[in-house]
Amino acid sequence: TTITITTALSPTTTPAPPPPLPNSSVIRGNNRYGTSNGSSIPTTSEVAQTLNVKPIDPNATAAKWKRAFKLHKRLLPILHSLDSCRPADSSLNLACLWWKALGGNDVDSPVYDGGLSYDLLPRGFRYLIGSRRVNRRFYPRLHHANVELRTAFLDRAISNIISSLDDEDNDRASKTSKTKVRLVSLGAGYDVRSVKFLERGLVDLAVELDLPQVVEAKEKLLGPKRLLRRRPALSNLKMPDLLAADFNDVEAVKVILRDVLTSTNGIGGEKTTEGDDDIDSSCCKWHTIFIFEGVMIYLDEGVPSSLLNVTSSVLKECNLSGSLCFADRLENVPEGDFELGKEELKRNGWHLKTWLPKPGLARHMGYASLSMLN
């Protein structure tokens, strides 16, 4: 099913007339998105309303978006100039780290994380986004709000999958049939979703694949020099397993994923960590949730579709159940057409359940279940 975009009803009182708009021809996306423009991609305001996220500035011109992006890009070297971890920047990973911290600090946002993302930022300069008055000046509600849409959708989709699994377990008479949940993120960057869901006890295991330099940097960010120093209680938590991978090498990724799935699904009684009895799943079954967020747009032609096929095929090889959550750009789906998205996923072993396109490069958001059809 497709998420329905709803429109808020007007209040009974007559609102004050809106301020005059800039020339509509220069408002970013004004003549491109929404049903009024014949587009299969809704406007950012419509998507924000569906996800209960504060809307992006609807009057922002293309020039304002460009200025904001350039300012943040110029600030990044300064913001990390005294950073002892000095995380590598790759495919906007550093920019997204700050953008996600802005959303994670907003108590009125569905992506509020209690400052978890904020605690990955370098000391001193991180206070730049700790103050609402300051961050509005340097970070108008544009790029970080767009990323917030992705985060809100993915968090909701994953939570819904977990809830449905819990409901299925409650319907079973045997306690031994409890389903364990494993998150596998392909290209997570410096996102803290895995830590967040582990900390809340919603998942049992988390694995992240990314470029070697990103994995090395994230190990430092999640370790005693940064996150564990600020949140020592997380020392008792089994943190995400971080694995280096080149996504353009599809066969190598398949080997890694097969190893991830078979090391925790009870085959041969193997365990991810020696002595970690909680990970032994010889008496349990596992459900794997694959996550793609803003990574396909950087891959070679044909690779995104191949990775979708790999994720479904390794699940079937290992006789495991699984789901797919994505906020990315699928191949062979130029705009936001539901049928094209459904067909692309079907070709690669997935059955599309939810579809919510949005403006931007990572324009396709959705959730799919593993297709039992060969």
Foldseek 3Di string as FASTA:
>chain_A
DAQDQDDDDDDPDDDDDDDDADDQVFQPCSCPADVVNPALAHAQVSLCVSLVHDGAPRRDGPVNVVVLVVLLVVCVCVQCVVPPLPADDDLCLSVLLLLLQLQCCDPSAPNPQPNLSLQLGGPPSSCCSVDPVNCCVNPPRDPSSVVSSQSSQQVVVLLVVLVVLVVVCVPDPDPLAREAEEEEEEACQLDCVQVSCQVVVSHQAYEYEEAPSSLSSNCCSCDCVTNCVVVVVCVPTDGHHYHYDDLLVVVVVLVVVLCVVCQQAQVVQHAPDPPPPSSRAVSYGYEYEYEEEADVLPYDPPSQLSNLLSVLVSCVVVVHWYKYWYQADQPQDPGQDPVSVQVSNVVRFWGWDYWHAHDDHSGTTGMTTGHPDD
